[in-house]
Amino acid sequence: MSDNKSNVGQQDRIRIDANDPAEVEYVHRQFPHLKHEQVLEAIKNKGPFREDVIKYLQNLK
């Protein structure tokens, strides 16, 4: 999924692109106790919606 970084809108705030290392890293920084692979798995399993992924990751220990 290509993304125009200069055209930021609502779709960019509510979704996480698993193919964009910068977006995955941003989420990983919010959960430093998890591995990058766990963050990627959460995105792939829960879908691209940021709210769903964050809720899932908050429940991981």
PDB file of N, CA and C in Angstrom:
ATOM      1  N   MET A   1       0.852  -1.163   0.000  1.00  0.00           N
ATOM      2  CA  MET A   1       0.000   0.000   0.000  1.00  0.00           C
ATOM      3  C   MET A   1       0.899   1.227   0.000  1.00  0.00           C
ATOM      4  N   SER A   2       0.870   1.962  -1.083  1.00  0.00           N
ATOM      5  CA  SER A   2       1.686   3.164  -1.137  1.00  0.00           C
ATOM      6  C   SER A   2       1.007   4.274  -0.352  1.00  0.00           C
ATOM      7  N   ASP A   3       1.821   5.114   0.219  1.00  0.00           N
ATOM      8  CA  ASP A   3       1.298   6.172   1.063  1.00  0.00           C
ATOM      9  C   ASP A   3       2.044   7.457   0.743  1.00  0.00           C
ATOM     10  N   ASN A   4       1.297   8.506   0.481  1.00  0.00           N
ATOM     11  CA  ASN A   4       1.879   9.807   0.229  1.00  0.00           C
ATOM     12  C   ASN A   4       2.064  10.512   1.570  1.00  0.00           C
ATOM     13  N   LYS A   5       3.288  10.601   2.030  1.00  0.00           N
ATOM     14  CA  LYS A   5       3.576  11.175   3.353  1.00  0.00           C
ATOM     15  C   LYS A   5       3.265  12.666   3.434  1.00  0.00           C
ATOM     16  N   SER A   6       3.156  13.334   2.302  1.00  0.00           N
ATOM     17  CA  SER A   6       2.838  14.753   2.339  1.00  0.00           C
ATOM     18  C   SER A   6       1.339  15.002   2.411  1.00  0.00           C
ATOM     19  N   ASN A   7       0.544  13.972   2.202  1.00  0.00           N
ATOM     20  CA  ASN A   7      -0.915  14.099   2.240  1.00  0.00           C
ATOM     21  C   ASN A   7      -1.440  13.307   3.444  1.00  0.00           C
ATOM     22  N   VAL A   8      -1.331  13.903   4.605  1.00  0.00           N
ATOM     23  CA  VAL A   8      -1.740  13.227   5.839  1.00  0.00           C
ATOM     24  C   VAL A   8      -3.191  13.581   6.129  1.00  0.00           C
ATOM     25  N   GLY A   9      -3.986  12.553   6.373  1.00  0.00           N
ATOM     26  CA  GLY A   9      -5.391  12.780   6.659  1.00  0.00           C
ATOM     27  C   GLY A   9      -5.875  11.812   7.723  1.00  0.00           C
ATOM     28  N   GLN A  10      -7.174  11.744   7.884  1.00  0.00           N
ATOM     29  CA  GLN A  10      -7.776  10.880   8.893  1.00  0.00           C
ATOM     30  C   GLN A  10      -7.359   9.415   8.703  1.00  0.00           C
ATOM     31  N   GLN A  11      -7.270   8.958   7.457  1.00  0.00           N
ATOM     32  CA  GLN A  11      -6.903   7.576   7.197  1.00  0.00           C
ATOM     33  C   GLN A  11      -5.524   7.250   7.762  1.00  0.00           C
ATOM     34  N   ASP A  12      -4.626   8.231   7.811  1.00  0.00           N
ATOM     35  CA  ASP A  12      -3.292   8.015   8.349  1.00  0.00           C
ATOM     36  C   ASP A  12      -3.288   7.980   9.872  1.00  0.00           C
ATOM     37  N   ARG A  13      -4.241   8.624  10.484  1.00  0.00           N
ATOM     38  CA  ARG A  13      -4.307   8.644  11.948  1.00  0.00           C
ATOM     39  C   ARG A  13      -4.936   7.382  12.512  1.00  0.00           C
ATOM     40  N   ILE A  14      -5.825   6.756  11.753  1.00  0.00           N
ATOM     41  CA  ILE A  14      -6.560   5.614  12.293  1.00  0.00           C
ATOM     42  C   ILE A  14      -5.998   4.272  11.859  1.00  0.00           C
ATOM     43  N   ARG A  15      -5.044   4.265  10.926  1.00  0.00           N
ATOM     44  CA  ARG A  15      -4.496   3.003  10.422  1.00  0.00           C
ATOM     45  C   ARG A  15      -2.992   2.948  10.614  1.00  0.00           C
ATOM     46  N   ILE A  16      -2.479   1.712  10.689  1.00  0.00           N
ATOM     47  CA  ILE A  16      -1.049   1.458  10.754  1.00  0.00           C
ATOM     48  C   ILE A  16      -0.691   0.627   9.534  1.00  0.00           C
ATOM     49  N   ASP A  17       0.292   1.057   8.778  1.00  0.00           N
ATOM     50  CA  ASP A  17       0.756   0.313   7.618  1.00  0.00           C
ATOM     51  C   ASP A  17       1.888  -0.611   8.060  1.00  0.00           C
ATOM     52  N   ALA A  18       1.633  -1.918   8.051  1.00  0.00           N
ATOM     53  CA  ALA A  18       2.635  -2.891   8.474  1.00  0.00           C
ATOM     54  C   ALA A  18       3.842  -2.909   7.544  1.00  0.00           C
ATOM     55  N   ASN A  19       3.697  -2.385   6.337  1.00  0.00           N
ATOM     56  CA  ASN A  19       4.797  -2.360   5.376  1.00  0.00           C
ATOM     57  C   ASN A  19       5.661  -1.114   5.497  1.00  0.00           C
ATOM     58  N   ASP A  20       5.282  -0.210   6.384  1.00  0.00           N
ATOM     59  CA  ASP A  20       6.044   1.018   6.591  1.00  0.00           C
ATOM     60  C   ASP A  20       6.833   0.897   7.893  1.00  0.00           C
ATOM     61  N   PRO A  21       8.146   0.710   7.793  1.00  0.00           N
ATOM     62  CA  PRO A  21       8.962   0.534   9.012  1.00  0.00           C
ATOM     63  C   PRO A  21       8.839   1.686  10.002  1.00  0.00           C
ATOM     64  N   ALA A  22       8.641   2.895   9.524  1.00  0.00           N
ATOM     65  CA  ALA A  22       8.524   4.049  10.421  1.00  0.00           C
ATOM     66  C   ALA A  22       7.255   3.959  11.263  1.00  0.00           C
ATOM     67  N   GLU A  23       6.167   3.513  10.676  1.00  0.00           N
ATOM     68  CA  GLU A  23       4.914   3.384  11.431  1.00  0.00           C
ATOM     69  C   GLU A  23       5.007   2.252  12.448  1.00  0.00           C
ATOM     70  N   VAL A  24       5.618   1.150  12.058  1.00  0.00           N
ATOM     71  CA  VAL A  24       5.785   0.019  12.983  1.00  0.00           C
ATOM     72  C   VAL A  24       6.691   0.432  14.140  1.00  0.00           C
ATOM     73  N   GLU A  25       7.753   1.156  13.836  1.00  0.00           N
ATOM     74  CA  GLU A  25       8.676   1.621  14.879  1.00  0.00           C
ATOM     75  C   GLU A  25       7.981   2.579  15.841  1.00  0.00           C
ATOM     76  N   TYR A  26       7.125   3.442  15.332  1.00  0.00           N
ATOM     77  CA  TYR A  26       6.386   4.374  16.186  1.00  0.00           C
ATOM     78  C   TYR A  26       5.527   3.612  17.205  1.00  0.00           C
ATOM     79  N   VAL A  27       4.833   2.591  16.744  1.00  0.00           N
ATOM     80  CA  VAL A  27       4.010   1.786  17.650  1.00  0.00           C
ATOM     81  C   VAL A  27       4.905   1.025  18.621  1.00  0.00           C
ATOM     82  N   HIS A  28       6.018   0.497  18.128  1.00  0.00           N
ATOM     83  CA  HIS A  28       6.931  -0.264  18.995  1.00  0.00           C
ATOM     84  C   HIS A  28       7.481   0.609  20.118  1.00  0.00           C
ATOM     85  N   ARG A  29       7.739   1.880  19.844  1.00  0.00           N
ATOM     86  CA  ARG A  29       8.241   2.782  20.888  1.00  0.00           C
ATOM     87  C   ARG A  29       7.223   2.976  22.004  1.00  0.00           C
ATOM     88  N   GLN A  30       5.951   2.777  21.711  1.00  0.00           N
ATOM     89  CA  GLN A  30       4.920   2.872  22.736  1.00  0.00           C
ATOM     90  C   GLN A  30       4.890   1.623  23.615  1.00  0.00           C
ATOM     91  N   PHE A  31       5.457   0.525  23.100  1.00  0.00           N
ATOM     92  CA  PHE A  31       5.484  -0.754  23.818  1.00  0.00           C
ATOM     93  C   PHE A  31       6.895  -1.329  23.757  1.00  0.00           C
ATOM     94  N   PRO A  32       7.864  -0.686  24.415  1.00  0.00           N
ATOM     95  CA  PRO A  32       9.264  -1.115  24.292  1.00  0.00           C
ATOM     96  C   PRO A  32       9.539  -2.495  24.892  1.00  0.00           C
ATOM     97  N   HIS A  33       8.640  -2.983  25.742  1.00  0.00           N
ATOM     98  CA  HIS A  33       8.852  -4.293  26.335  1.00  0.00           C
ATOM     99  C   HIS A  33       8.514  -5.427  25.366  1.00  0.00           C
ATOM    100  N   LEU A  34       7.913  -5.098  24.236  1.00  0.00           N
ATOM    101  CA  LEU A  34       7.569  -6.093  23.226  1.00  0.00           C
ATOM    102  C   LEU A  34       8.612  -6.099  22.114  1.00  0.00           C
ATOM    103  N   LYS A  35       8.661  -7.190  21.385  1.00  0.00           N
ATOM    104  CA  LYS A  35       9.565  -7.302  20.242  1.00  0.00           C
ATOM    105  C   LYS A  35       8.872  -6.733  19.005  1.00  0.00           C
ATOM    106  N   HIS A  36       9.670  -6.317  18.031  1.00  0.00           N
ATOM    107  CA  HIS A  36       9.120  -5.810  16.777  1.00  0.00           C
ATOM    108  C   HIS A  36       8.203  -6.848  16.135  1.00  0.00           C
ATOM    109  N   GLU A  37       8.598  -8.110  16.237  1.00  0.00           N
ATOM    110  CA  GLU A  37       7.801  -9.180  15.641  1.00  0.00           C
ATOM    111  C   GLU A  37       6.409  -9.255  16.264  1.00  0.00           C
ATOM    112  N   GLN A  38       6.318  -8.992  17.564  1.00  0.00           N
ATOM    113  CA  GLN A  38       5.024  -9.016  18.240  1.00  0.00           C
ATOM    114  C   GLN A  38       4.137  -7.875  17.746  1.00  0.00           C
ATOM    115  N   VAL A  39       4.731  -6.727  17.512  1.00  0.00           N
ATOM    116  CA  VAL A  39       3.968  -5.589  16.999  1.00  0.00           C
ATOM    117  C   VAL A  39       3.468  -5.899  15.584  1.00  0.00           C
ATOM    118  N   LEU A  40       4.333  -6.448  14.749  1.00  0.00           N
ATOM    119  CA  LEU A  40       3.930  -6.808  13.388  1.00  0.00           C
ATOM    120  C   LEU A  40       2.836  -7.863  13.393  1.00  0.00           C
ATOM    121  N   GLU A  41       2.964  -8.852  14.263  1.00  0.00           N
ATOM    122  CA  GLU A  41       1.932  -9.891  14.372  1.00  0.00           C
ATOM    123  C   GLU A  41       0.594  -9.291  14.783  1.00  0.00           C
ATOM    124  N   ALA A  42       0.631  -8.356  15.715  1.00  0.00           N
ATOM    125  CA  ALA A  42      -0.605  -7.709  16.165  1.00  0.00           C
ATOM    126  C   ALA A  42      -1.276  -6.965  15.012  1.00  0.00           C
ATOM    127  N   ILE A  43      -0.485  -6.274  14.211  1.00  0.00           N
ATOM    128  CA  ILE A  43      -1.039  -5.544  13.073  1.00  0.00           C
ATOM    129  C   ILE A  43      -1.639  -6.516  12.067  1.00  0.00           C
ATOM    130  N   LYS A  44      -0.943  -7.604  11.812  1.00  0.00           N
ATOM    131  CA  LYS A  44      -1.435  -8.582  10.836  1.00  0.00           C
ATOM    132  C   LYS A  44      -2.654  -9.335  11.353  1.00  0.00           C
ATOM    133  N   ASN A  45      -2.694  -9.629  12.643  1.00  0.00           N
ATOM    134  CA  ASN A  45      -3.816 -10.388  13.205  1.00  0.00           C
ATOM    135  C   ASN A  45      -5.040  -9.525  13.489  1.00  0.00           C
ATOM    136  N   LYS A  46      -4.836  -8.321  13.963  1.00  0.00           N
ATOM    137  CA  LYS A  46      -5.947  -7.451  14.360  1.00  0.00           C
ATOM    138  C   LYS A  46      -6.378  -6.495  13.266  1.00  0.00           C
ATOM    139  N   GLY A  47      -5.590  -6.408  12.214  1.00  0.00           N
ATOM    140  CA  GLY A  47      -5.939  -5.501  11.127  1.00  0.00           C
ATOM    141  C   GLY A  47      -5.208  -4.179  11.268  1.00  0.00           C
ATOM    142  N   PRO A  48      -5.425  -3.283  10.329  1.00  0.00           N
ATOM    143  CA  PRO A  48      -4.646  -2.044  10.293  1.00  0.00           C
ATOM    144  C   PRO A  48      -5.148  -0.930  11.202  1.00  0.00           C
ATOM    145  N   PHE A  49      -6.279  -1.130  11.866  1.00  0.00           N
ATOM    146  CA  PHE A  49      -6.827  -0.033  12.656  1.00  0.00           C
ATOM    147  C   PHE A  49      -6.059   0.132  13.966  1.00  0.00           C
ATOM    148  N   ARG A  50      -5.508   1.341  14.138  1.00  0.00           N
ATOM    149  CA  ARG A  50      -4.637   1.660  15.273  1.00  0.00           C
ATOM    150  C   ARG A  50      -5.297   1.325  16.616  1.00  0.00           C
ATOM    151  N   GLU A  51      -6.559   1.667  16.772  1.00  0.00           N
ATOM    152  CA  GLU A  51      -7.260   1.440  18.038  1.00  0.00           C
ATOM    153  C   GLU A  51      -7.286  -0.047  18.402  1.00  0.00           C
ATOM    154  N   ASP A  52      -7.568  -0.913  17.430  1.00  0.00           N
ATOM    155  CA  ASP A  52      -7.612  -2.356  17.679  1.00  0.00           C
ATOM    156  C   ASP A  52      -6.239  -2.906  18.051  1.00  0.00           C
ATOM    157  N   VAL A  53      -5.225  -2.448  17.345  1.00  0.00           N
ATOM    158  CA  VAL A  53      -3.857  -2.925  17.595  1.00  0.00           C
ATOM    159  C   VAL A  53      -3.387  -2.480  18.972  1.00  0.00           C
ATOM    160  N   ILE A  54      -3.639  -1.225  19.337  1.00  0.00           N
ATOM    161  CA  ILE A  54      -3.206  -0.699  20.632  1.00  0.00           C
ATOM    162  C   ILE A  54      -3.896  -1.448  21.772  1.00  0.00           C
ATOM    163  N   LYS A  55      -5.190  -1.677  21.652  1.00  0.00           N
ATOM    164  CA  LYS A  55      -5.909  -2.430  22.690  1.00  0.00           C
ATOM    165  C   LYS A  55      -5.324  -3.825  22.861  1.00  0.00           C
ATOM    166  N   TYR A  56      -5.020  -4.472  21.745  1.00  0.00           N
ATOM    167  CA  TYR A  56      -4.437  -5.816  21.794  1.00  0.00           C
ATOM    168  C   TYR A  56      -3.069  -5.797  22.470  1.00  0.00           C
ATOM    169  N   LEU A  57      -2.221  -4.852  22.066  1.00  0.00           N
ATOM    170  CA  LEU A  57      -0.870  -4.779  22.625  1.00  0.00           C
ATOM    171  C   LEU A  57      -0.873  -4.421  24.105  1.00  0.00           C
ATOM    172  N   GLN A  58      -1.846  -3.644  24.546  1.00  0.00           N
ATOM    173  CA  GLN A  58      -1.930  -3.291  25.958  1.00  0.00           C
ATOM    174  C   GLN A  58      -2.218  -4.510  26.815  1.00  0.00           C
ATOM    175  N   ASN A  59      -2.864  -5.516  26.243  1.00  0.00           N
ATOM    176  CA  ASN A  59      -3.188  -6.724  26.998  1.00  0.00           C
ATOM    177  C   ASN A  59      -2.059  -7.744  27.006  1.00  0.00           C
ATOM    178  N   LEU A  60      -1.015  -7.536  26.201  1.00  0.00           N
ATOM    179  CA  LEU A  60       0.123  -8.436  26.208  1.00  0.00           C
ATOM    180  C   LEU A  60       1.055  -8.067  27.355  1.00  0.00           C
ATOM    181  N   LYS A  61       1.621  -9.040  27.954  1.00  0.00           N
ATOM    182  CA  LYS A  61       2.575  -8.786  29.051  1.00  0.00           C
ATOM    183  C   LYS A  61       3.961  -9.156  28.619  1.00  0.00           C
TER     184      LYS A  61
END
